[in-house]
Amino acid sequence: MSVAPPITNVGGADALQVRAGTYAWYVAVLLGLCHMVSFLDRFVMSLALVPLREAMHLSDTELGLLQGLGFVILYSVVAVPLGRLADSVHRRNMIVIGIFFWSLATAACAYANSFGELFVARIGVGLGEASLVPAAMSLLAVYFNRQRIGRAVSIFTTGALMGHTVAFLAGGAILAVVTPRGGVDLPLLGHFEPWQTLFLAGALPGVFLCVLLFTVHEPKREEKRGTPGFAGAFAYMRTHRRAFAMQFSAAVSAIIIVQSIGAWGPSFFVRLHHVTAAESGYIMGTVALISGVCGSLWGGWFTDFLQRRGVAGAAGAVISIHLTCAVPLALLTFTAGNLTVAMIGFALLQFAVSASVPAGLAGVQVLTPLRYRGIVTSVFLCAVTLIAVGLGPTFVGVLTDRVFGSNGLNTALLLMALVFGSIGAIVAFRARPALERCTRANETDAALQAASQT
């Protein structure tokens, strides 16, 4: 018996909308769990940095590359084609295949014996994860209307923060247990160092999730002439280039801060406040669980609230408000000489930047016609991944190696937060009129599409 509710077609395949009942929220939560596992596998590297640095004698630039460009090289190349696929193929199965692939690549990290082998394995992780967001956003856009999409996306982005939490808390616990023992011996597999054990553990949840995903119903697309293509999607973005460029820029500014402090947070507490790697995992996990999750849920709710109140460019307003708050919080966090003050500042900073992330993703969905959302979301992912994920953590590593030194990690992180927090807040504020015009154009387009297919 199917657990899916009836599907109502309200104007052809492009305007397909599923009633946002209990099952729709179940789908949103399950997709959030997929996002959680993707970020668990992405950020387990952050906690492994400290033992990896010692085991393989890696520089901060190399560590930054493993978290940044190593992850995004193929991710950026395949994201747009996969976004195109998300507009036409079975999205659930696309997600299942991606999860299985990146879980294998995460396990492969445990068998790496050099920087080069680790780099290749991280490329594999990025390649698998590129399938998730375009397909998930396309599904959420079908299951939820404009008035609910912010909360649905916030559940999805909360999954990413839960991935931080699980990676850091569970990873910290694993390190606390296996480090004193010098690693772990597994039957048939042999001996694994503490950092290798982290990667093996990170690969396991994806297997369970692949099975659970088969409870998700793929909304049936109606037959239609042709399929949405790159030409139409890029023509639409070109017509509204100011709105899309400013939305992308604001969202990238927010996410580059999230990625940089997430990637280097454990090392920041180890180097500047002299805690152990396991203790830094507990700190980061607790912050992600409380501040990150609350911030993400708040950001989604606040976006929907402003949308219902008719605030022009609601997504831009949410990003601008929270990045403005992030600037002084970064100053507090990265200049504090006391561990307790630094932890409080870090928690507040995490809340502020996490609240801006759902608005970035939800804003793209609101701006874009349903038939183009897979492609446009994948273009958004390319920009975010290449700049925020690829260059953010990498640039922090270069700054510490070339400019500030190993003990200047706090200065490098502060510089990133100040520059991109200020840029993002200003761009998001100025983007609001353009965002509102594009949103209205999208609503008109949807009405015309619905009328043409009735």
Protein backbone atom coordinates (compact mmCIF):
# COMPACT_ATOMS: atom_id res chain seq x y z
CA MET A 1 0.00 0.00 0.00
CA SER A 2 1.34 3.41 -0.93
CA VAL A 3 1.86 5.88 1.88
CA ALA A 4 1.70 8.85 -0.49
CA PRO A 5 -1.33 11.17 -0.48
CA PRO A 6 -3.31 11.95 -3.61
CA ILE A 7 -1.52 14.24 -6.06
CA THR A 8 -3.39 17.18 -7.46
CA ASN A 9 -2.43 18.58 -10.84
CA VAL A 10 -3.17 22.27 -10.80
CA GLY A 11 -2.14 23.25 -14.27
CA GLY A 12 0.02 20.76 -16.12
CA ALA A 13 3.35 19.19 -15.31
CA ASP A 14 5.17 22.46 -14.70
CA ALA A 15 2.56 23.55 -12.18
CA LEU A 16 2.26 20.19 -10.44
CA GLN A 17 1.64 20.68 -6.75
CA VAL A 18 1.27 18.06 -4.04
CA ARG A 19 -0.95 18.79 -1.10
CA ALA A 20 1.33 19.84 1.77
CA GLY A 21 -0.04 17.35 4.30
CA THR A 22 1.68 14.97 6.70
CA TYR A 23 3.32 12.95 3.94
CA ALA A 24 4.80 16.05 2.32
CA TRP A 25 6.46 16.98 5.60
CA TYR A 26 7.69 13.40 5.92
CA VAL A 27 9.37 13.77 2.51
CA ALA A 28 10.91 17.07 3.62
CA VAL A 29 12.32 15.45 6.78
CA LEU A 30 13.69 12.47 4.84
CA LEU A 31 15.37 14.77 2.33
CA GLY A 32 16.76 16.67 5.30
CA LEU A 33 18.27 13.39 6.54
CA CYS A 34 19.87 12.94 3.10
CA HIS A 35 21.38 16.42 3.46
CA MET A 36 22.54 15.47 6.96
CA VAL A 37 24.41 12.42 5.69
CA SER A 38 25.98 14.43 2.87
CA PHE A 39 27.33 16.99 5.33
CA LEU A 40 28.40 14.29 7.76
CA ASP A 41 30.57 12.79 5.04
CA ARG A 42 31.73 16.26 3.98
CA PHE A 43 32.68 17.54 7.44
CA VAL A 44 34.16 14.41 8.96
CA MET A 45 37.28 15.69 7.19
CA SER A 46 37.23 18.82 9.39
CA LEU A 47 37.55 16.74 12.53
CA ALA A 48 40.19 14.51 10.94
CA LEU A 49 42.40 17.51 10.14
CA VAL A 50 44.30 17.46 13.41
CA PRO A 51 45.37 13.77 13.33
CA LEU A 52 45.79 13.90 9.53
CA ARG A 53 48.14 16.86 9.77
CA GLU A 54 50.38 14.87 12.09
CA ALA A 55 50.06 11.50 10.33
CA MET A 56 50.78 12.73 6.81
CA HIS A 57 52.68 15.96 7.63
CA LEU A 58 50.27 18.06 5.56
CA SER A 59 50.36 21.86 5.26
CA ASP A 60 47.35 24.07 5.94
CA THR A 61 47.06 24.71 2.21
CA GLU A 62 46.81 20.97 1.55
CA LEU A 63 44.26 20.59 4.35
CA GLY A 64 42.27 23.46 2.84
CA LEU A 65 42.39 21.81 -0.59
CA LEU A 66 41.00 18.56 0.83
CA GLN A 67 38.04 20.45 2.26
CA GLY A 68 37.67 22.88 -0.64
CA LEU A 69 38.82 22.37 -4.21
CA GLY A 70 39.27 18.62 -3.79
CA PHE A 71 35.58 18.40 -2.97
CA VAL A 72 34.26 20.79 -5.62
CA ILE A 73 36.27 20.00 -8.78
CA LEU A 74 33.88 17.42 -10.25
CA TYR A 75 30.95 18.66 -8.15
CA SER A 76 30.96 21.93 -10.08
CA VAL A 77 31.44 20.23 -13.44
CA VAL A 78 28.51 17.81 -13.11
CA ALA A 79 26.11 19.95 -11.05
CA VAL A 80 24.47 21.69 -14.03
CA PRO A 81 23.99 18.49 -16.13
CA LEU A 82 22.56 16.77 -13.04
CA GLY A 83 20.26 19.74 -12.50
CA ARG A 84 19.03 19.25 -16.07
CA LEU A 85 18.41 15.58 -15.29
CA ALA A 86 16.45 16.52 -12.16
CA ASP A 87 13.93 18.31 -14.40
CA SER A 88 13.22 15.16 -16.39
CA VAL A 89 14.30 11.90 -14.67
CA HIS A 90 13.24 9.99 -11.55
CA ARG A 91 14.50 12.29 -8.80
CA ARG A 92 14.31 9.83 -5.91
CA ASN A 93 16.40 7.23 -7.72
CA MET A 94 18.85 9.96 -8.69
CA ILE A 95 19.33 10.75 -5.00
CA VAL A 96 19.71 7.06 -4.05
CA ILE A 97 22.48 6.53 -6.61
CA GLY A 98 24.27 9.67 -5.47
CA ILE A 99 24.19 8.68 -1.78
CA PHE A 100 25.53 5.20 -2.51
CA PHE A 101 28.39 6.62 -4.58
CA TRP A 102 29.51 9.29 -2.10
CA SER A 103 29.33 6.76 0.78
CA LEU A 104 31.75 4.50 -1.09
CA ALA A 105 34.05 7.47 -1.73
CA THR A 106 33.98 8.38 1.98
CA ALA A 107 34.99 4.84 2.89
CA ALA A 108 37.79 5.08 0.30
CA CYS A 109 39.27 8.00 2.27
CA ALA A 110 40.06 5.53 5.06
CA TYR A 111 42.34 3.58 2.72
CA ALA A 112 44.29 6.59 1.44
CA ASN A 113 48.03 6.62 2.13
CA SER A 114 48.93 10.02 0.70
CA PHE A 115 47.60 13.49 0.02
CA GLY A 116 47.03 12.55 -3.64
CA GLU A 117 44.91 9.51 -2.77
CA LEU A 118 42.88 11.52 -0.26
CA PHE A 119 42.37 14.25 -2.85
CA VAL A 120 40.99 11.76 -5.40
CA ALA A 121 38.65 10.21 -2.82
CA ARG A 122 37.34 13.64 -1.88
CA ILE A 123 36.67 14.34 -5.55
CA GLY A 124 34.50 11.20 -5.50
CA VAL A 125 32.58 12.45 -2.47
CA GLY A 126 31.84 15.72 -4.26
CA LEU A 127 30.80 13.92 -7.44
CA GLY A 128 28.19 11.86 -5.57
CA GLU A 129 26.86 14.78 -3.53
CA ALA A 130 26.25 16.89 -6.66
CA SER A 131 23.09 14.88 -7.34
CA LEU A 132 21.32 15.69 -4.08
CA VAL A 133 20.37 19.37 -3.97
CA PRO A 134 18.96 19.80 -7.52
CA ALA A 135 16.79 16.69 -7.20
CA ALA A 136 15.73 17.49 -3.61
CA MET A 137 14.86 21.12 -4.39
CA SER A 138 12.85 20.01 -7.42
CA LEU A 139 10.88 17.58 -5.23
CA LEU A 140 10.27 20.15 -2.50
CA ALA A 141 9.05 22.68 -5.07
CA VAL A 142 6.43 20.13 -6.13
CA TYR A 143 5.33 19.23 -2.60
CA PHE A 144 5.19 22.80 -1.20
CA ASN A 145 3.80 26.10 -2.45
CA ARG A 146 5.36 29.55 -2.09
CA GLN A 147 3.85 30.11 1.37
CA ARG A 148 5.44 26.92 2.76
CA ILE A 149 8.63 26.55 0.72
CA GLY A 150 10.74 28.52 3.21
CA ARG A 151 9.95 26.14 6.06
CA ALA A 152 10.40 23.08 3.84
CA VAL A 153 13.80 24.33 2.69
CA SER A 154 14.75 25.16 6.28
CA ILE A 155 14.14 21.51 7.20
CA PHE A 156 16.43 20.54 4.33
CA THR A 157 19.17 22.99 5.37
CA THR A 158 18.73 21.96 9.01
CA GLY A 159 19.76 18.51 7.85
CA ALA A 160 23.09 19.99 6.78
CA LEU A 161 23.61 21.44 10.25
CA MET A 162 22.64 18.11 11.81
CA GLY A 163 25.35 16.63 9.61
CA HIS A 164 27.79 19.04 11.24
CA THR A 165 26.46 17.93 14.63
CA VAL A 166 26.74 14.21 14.00
CA ALA A 167 30.15 14.56 12.37
CA PHE A 168 31.55 16.54 15.27
CA LEU A 169 29.82 14.90 18.26
CA ALA A 170 29.97 11.31 17.06
CA GLY A 171 33.40 11.91 15.53
CA GLY A 172 34.64 13.43 18.78
CA ALA A 173 33.34 10.42 20.70
CA ILE A 174 35.01 8.02 18.27
CA LEU A 175 38.34 9.85 18.59
CA ALA A 176 38.04 9.87 22.39
CA VAL A 177 37.64 6.08 22.37
CA VAL A 178 40.04 4.95 19.65
CA THR A 179 42.88 7.49 20.02
CA PRO A 180 44.15 6.14 23.38
CA ARG A 181 44.11 2.66 21.84
CA GLY A 182 46.05 3.74 18.77
CA GLY A 183 43.16 2.92 16.44
CA VAL A 184 40.86 -0.04 15.97
CA ASP A 185 41.20 -3.59 14.60
CA LEU A 186 38.27 -4.79 12.47
CA PRO A 187 37.74 -8.45 11.47
CA LEU A 188 38.80 -9.13 7.86
CA LEU A 189 39.57 -5.43 7.30
CA GLY A 190 42.65 -5.05 9.48
CA HIS A 191 43.97 -2.14 11.58
CA PHE A 192 42.74 1.45 11.16
CA GLU A 193 44.22 4.59 12.64
CA PRO A 194 41.85 6.97 14.50
CA TRP A 195 41.42 9.26 11.49
CA GLN A 196 40.71 6.27 9.24
CA THR A 197 38.06 5.04 11.65
CA LEU A 198 36.25 8.38 11.30
CA PHE A 199 35.84 7.90 7.55
CA LEU A 200 34.65 4.30 7.86
CA ALA A 201 32.02 5.32 10.42
CA GLY A 202 30.92 8.23 8.23
CA ALA A 203 30.20 5.93 5.29
CA LEU A 204 27.72 3.69 7.15
CA PRO A 205 24.58 5.90 7.50
CA GLY A 206 24.27 6.32 3.74
CA VAL A 207 23.60 2.60 3.28
CA PHE A 208 20.58 2.71 5.62
CA LEU A 209 19.29 5.90 4.04
CA CYS A 210 19.36 4.41 0.53
CA VAL A 211 16.85 1.79 1.71
CA LEU A 212 14.64 4.30 3.54
CA LEU A 213 14.38 6.53 0.46
CA PHE A 214 12.28 3.92 -1.33
CA THR A 215 9.32 5.09 0.80
CA VAL A 216 9.37 8.40 -1.12
CA HIS A 217 6.78 8.68 -3.88
CA GLU A 218 8.04 10.27 -7.09
CA PRO A 219 5.30 12.64 -8.38
CA LYS A 220 4.33 11.55 -11.86
CA ARG A 221 5.15 14.03 -14.59
CA GLU A 222 2.60 14.49 -17.32
CA GLU A 223 3.63 13.91 -20.90
CA LYS A 224 4.37 17.15 -22.66
CA ARG A 225 6.01 18.43 -25.80
CA GLY A 226 9.73 18.52 -25.26
CA THR A 227 11.45 18.87 -21.92
CA PRO A 228 12.79 21.92 -20.14
CA GLY A 229 16.19 22.77 -21.54
CA PHE A 230 19.22 24.89 -20.84
CA ALA A 231 18.25 27.49 -23.44
CA GLY A 232 14.94 28.34 -21.78
CA ALA A 233 16.39 28.34 -18.27
CA PHE A 234 19.33 30.56 -19.17
CA ALA A 235 17.09 32.88 -21.18
CA TYR A 236 14.88 33.31 -18.12
CA MET A 237 17.88 34.01 -15.88
CA ARG A 238 19.27 36.43 -18.46
CA THR A 239 15.98 38.34 -18.52
CA HIS A 240 16.09 38.66 -14.73
CA ARG A 241 19.89 38.73 -14.43
CA ARG A 242 19.98 41.49 -11.83
CA ALA A 243 17.75 39.57 -9.42
CA PHE A 244 19.58 36.27 -9.90
CA ALA A 245 23.07 37.80 -9.75
CA MET A 246 22.31 39.63 -6.52
CA GLN A 247 20.54 36.65 -4.95
CA PHE A 248 23.46 34.39 -5.86
CA SER A 249 26.01 36.89 -4.54
CA ALA A 250 24.22 37.36 -1.23
CA ALA A 251 23.73 33.62 -0.73
CA VAL A 252 27.36 32.85 -1.63
CA SER A 253 28.55 35.45 0.89
CA ALA A 254 26.54 33.77 3.64
CA ILE A 255 27.55 30.23 2.74
CA ILE A 256 31.25 31.04 2.41
CA ILE A 257 31.19 32.05 6.09
CA VAL A 258 29.28 28.91 7.05
CA GLN A 259 31.72 26.70 5.17
CA SER A 260 34.86 28.44 6.42
CA ILE A 261 33.95 28.37 10.11
CA GLY A 262 32.61 24.82 9.77
CA ALA A 263 35.76 23.56 8.06
CA TRP A 264 38.26 25.30 10.36
CA GLY A 265 36.26 25.57 13.59
CA PRO A 266 37.75 22.44 15.21
CA SER A 267 41.30 23.55 14.35
CA PHE A 268 40.52 27.05 15.68
CA PHE A 269 39.64 25.70 19.11
CA VAL A 270 42.58 23.28 19.12
CA ARG A 271 45.20 25.85 18.08
CA LEU A 272 43.96 28.99 19.80
CA HIS A 273 42.30 27.60 22.92
CA HIS A 274 44.36 24.43 23.33
CA VAL A 275 41.56 21.84 23.59
CA THR A 276 41.97 18.29 22.26
CA ALA A 277 40.62 17.16 18.88
CA ALA A 278 37.88 15.18 20.63
CA GLU A 279 36.91 18.19 22.78
CA SER A 280 36.78 20.42 19.72
CA GLY A 281 34.37 17.91 18.18
CA TYR A 282 32.08 18.17 21.22
CA ILE A 283 32.19 21.98 21.06
CA MET A 284 31.45 22.14 17.34
CA GLY A 285 28.77 19.47 17.54
CA THR A 286 26.96 21.19 20.39
CA VAL A 287 27.07 24.55 18.61
CA ALA A 288 25.77 23.02 15.37
CA LEU A 289 23.02 21.15 17.21
CA ILE A 290 21.70 24.12 19.19
CA SER A 291 22.65 27.33 17.40
CA GLY A 292 22.89 25.98 13.86
CA VAL A 293 19.65 24.04 13.86
CA CYS A 294 17.70 26.79 15.65
CA GLY A 295 19.15 29.39 13.28
CA SER A 296 18.21 27.40 10.19
CA LEU A 297 14.64 26.75 11.36
CA TRP A 298 14.26 30.38 12.38
CA GLY A 299 15.54 31.58 9.01
CA GLY A 300 13.00 29.44 7.14
CA TRP A 301 10.11 30.52 9.35
CA PHE A 302 11.12 34.19 9.18
CA THR A 303 11.34 34.03 5.37
CA ASP A 304 7.82 32.58 5.13
CA PHE A 305 6.55 35.15 7.65
CA LEU A 306 7.87 38.06 5.59
CA GLN A 307 6.51 36.47 2.39
CA ARG A 308 3.02 36.25 3.94
CA ARG A 309 3.26 39.86 5.09
CA GLY A 310 4.08 40.93 1.54
CA VAL A 311 7.57 42.24 2.32
CA ALA A 312 9.36 43.00 -0.95
CA GLY A 313 12.31 40.66 -1.55
CA ALA A 314 11.72 38.74 1.69
CA ALA A 315 14.68 36.40 1.11
CA GLY A 316 17.04 39.33 0.60
CA ALA A 317 15.78 41.00 3.77
CA VAL A 318 16.42 37.87 5.85
CA ILE A 319 19.97 37.49 4.50
CA SER A 320 20.76 41.17 5.02
CA ILE A 321 19.53 41.27 8.62
CA HIS A 322 21.43 38.20 9.73
CA LEU A 323 24.71 38.94 7.95
CA THR A 324 24.67 42.41 9.50
CA CYS A 325 24.49 40.73 12.89
CA ALA A 326 27.26 38.29 11.92
CA VAL A 327 29.91 41.01 11.54
CA PRO A 328 30.16 42.08 15.23
CA LEU A 329 29.69 38.48 16.35
CA ALA A 330 32.72 37.45 14.29
CA LEU A 331 34.74 40.17 16.00
CA LEU A 332 33.67 38.83 19.40
CA THR A 333 34.43 35.21 18.50
CA PHE A 334 37.82 35.49 16.86
CA THR A 335 39.34 38.14 19.14
CA ALA A 336 38.28 36.52 22.44
CA GLY A 337 41.13 35.35 24.65
CA ASN A 338 38.82 33.29 26.82
CA LEU A 339 37.46 29.89 25.73
CA THR A 340 34.01 30.48 27.21
CA VAL A 341 33.61 33.86 25.47
CA ALA A 342 34.84 32.36 22.20
CA MET A 343 32.32 29.50 22.48
CA ILE A 344 29.43 31.90 23.17
CA GLY A 345 30.46 34.14 20.29
CA PHE A 346 30.86 31.15 17.98
CA ALA A 347 27.38 29.89 18.90
CA LEU A 348 25.77 33.28 18.18
CA LEU A 349 27.73 33.62 14.93
CA GLN A 350 26.59 30.15 13.87
CA PHE A 351 22.95 31.10 14.57
CA ALA A 352 23.20 34.28 12.49
CA VAL A 353 24.82 32.77 9.41
CA SER A 354 22.70 29.60 9.57
CA ALA A 355 19.52 31.71 9.55
CA SER A 356 20.56 33.25 6.23
CA VAL A 357 21.08 29.96 4.39
CA PRO A 358 17.41 28.86 3.94
CA ALA A 359 16.61 32.29 2.51
CA GLY A 360 19.30 31.80 -0.11
CA LEU A 361 17.91 28.47 -1.33
CA ALA A 362 14.24 29.37 -0.89
CA GLY A 363 14.78 32.67 -2.69
CA VAL A 364 16.04 30.85 -5.79
CA GLN A 365 12.95 28.60 -5.80
CA VAL A 366 10.61 31.59 -5.53
CA LEU A 367 12.36 33.38 -8.39
CA THR A 368 12.29 30.41 -10.77
CA PRO A 369 9.46 28.73 -12.74
CA LEU A 370 8.92 25.14 -11.67
CA ARG A 371 10.02 23.70 -15.04
CA TYR A 372 13.48 25.31 -14.72
CA ARG A 373 14.16 24.79 -11.02
CA GLY A 374 16.46 21.79 -11.42
CA ILE A 375 18.70 23.63 -13.88
CA VAL A 376 18.64 26.97 -12.05
CA THR A 377 19.25 25.30 -8.68
CA SER A 378 22.23 23.46 -10.15
CA VAL A 379 23.66 26.74 -11.50
CA PHE A 380 23.21 28.17 -8.02
CA LEU A 381 25.01 25.13 -6.62
CA CYS A 382 27.90 25.62 -9.03
CA ALA A 383 28.37 29.21 -7.90
CA VAL A 384 28.02 28.35 -4.22
CA THR A 385 30.18 25.24 -4.35
CA LEU A 386 32.99 26.64 -6.46
CA ILE A 387 33.26 29.91 -4.51
CA ALA A 388 31.98 29.16 -1.02
CA VAL A 389 33.00 25.53 -0.57
CA GLY A 390 35.92 25.41 -2.99
CA LEU A 391 37.66 28.70 -2.33
CA GLY A 392 36.51 29.56 1.20
CA PRO A 393 38.23 26.82 3.26
CA THR A 394 41.14 26.72 0.80
CA PHE A 395 41.75 30.46 1.07
CA VAL A 396 41.75 30.28 4.87
CA GLY A 397 44.51 27.66 4.65
CA VAL A 398 46.52 29.80 2.22
CA LEU A 399 46.18 32.84 4.53
CA THR A 400 47.55 30.92 7.52
CA ASP A 401 50.42 29.42 5.49
CA ARG A 402 51.42 32.57 3.63
CA VAL A 403 50.29 35.54 5.73
CA PHE A 404 49.24 35.01 9.34
CA GLY A 405 50.98 31.78 10.33
CA SER A 406 49.56 28.69 12.00
CA ASN A 407 48.62 30.63 15.15
CA GLY A 408 46.88 33.28 13.07
CA LEU A 409 43.97 31.04 12.09
CA ASN A 410 41.59 33.24 14.07
CA THR A 411 42.72 36.30 12.09
CA ALA A 412 42.17 34.50 8.79
CA LEU A 413 38.67 33.43 9.83
CA LEU A 414 37.87 36.93 11.12
CA LEU A 415 38.94 38.50 7.83
CA MET A 416 36.72 36.12 5.84
CA ALA A 417 33.71 36.81 8.07
CA LEU A 418 34.13 40.59 8.03
CA VAL A 419 34.61 40.86 4.27
CA PHE A 420 31.88 38.50 3.14
CA GLY A 421 29.45 39.40 5.93
CA SER A 422 29.60 43.05 4.91
CA ILE A 423 29.38 42.34 1.17
CA GLY A 424 26.49 39.92 1.60
CA ALA A 425 24.48 42.24 3.86
CA ILE A 426 24.80 45.19 1.46
CA VAL A 427 24.05 43.18 -1.69
CA ALA A 428 21.05 41.42 -0.13
CA PHE A 429 19.56 44.71 1.06
CA ARG A 430 19.96 46.35 -2.35
CA ALA A 431 18.59 43.26 -4.12
CA ARG A 432 15.09 43.42 -2.61
CA PRO A 433 13.34 45.45 -5.37
CA ALA A 434 14.81 43.27 -8.14
CA LEU A 435 13.87 40.10 -6.26
CA GLU A 436 10.28 41.28 -5.89
CA ARG A 437 9.98 42.12 -9.60
CA CYS A 438 11.31 38.72 -10.60
CA THR A 439 8.99 36.95 -8.14
CA ARG A 440 5.97 38.71 -9.63
CA ALA A 441 7.13 37.80 -13.14
CA ASN A 442 7.45 34.16 -12.07
CA GLU A 443 3.92 34.15 -10.68
CA THR A 444 2.59 35.60 -13.94
CA ASP A 445 4.55 32.98 -15.91
CA ALA A 446 3.09 30.17 -13.75
CA ALA A 447 -0.45 31.45 -14.32
CA LEU A 448 0.09 31.59 -18.09
CA GLN A 449 1.58 28.08 -18.12
CA ALA A 450 -1.37 26.74 -16.14
CA ALA A 451 -3.87 28.44 -18.48
CA SER A 452 -2.13 27.06 -21.58
CA GLN A 453 -2.44 23.47 -20.36
CA THR A 454 -6.08 23.54 -19.25
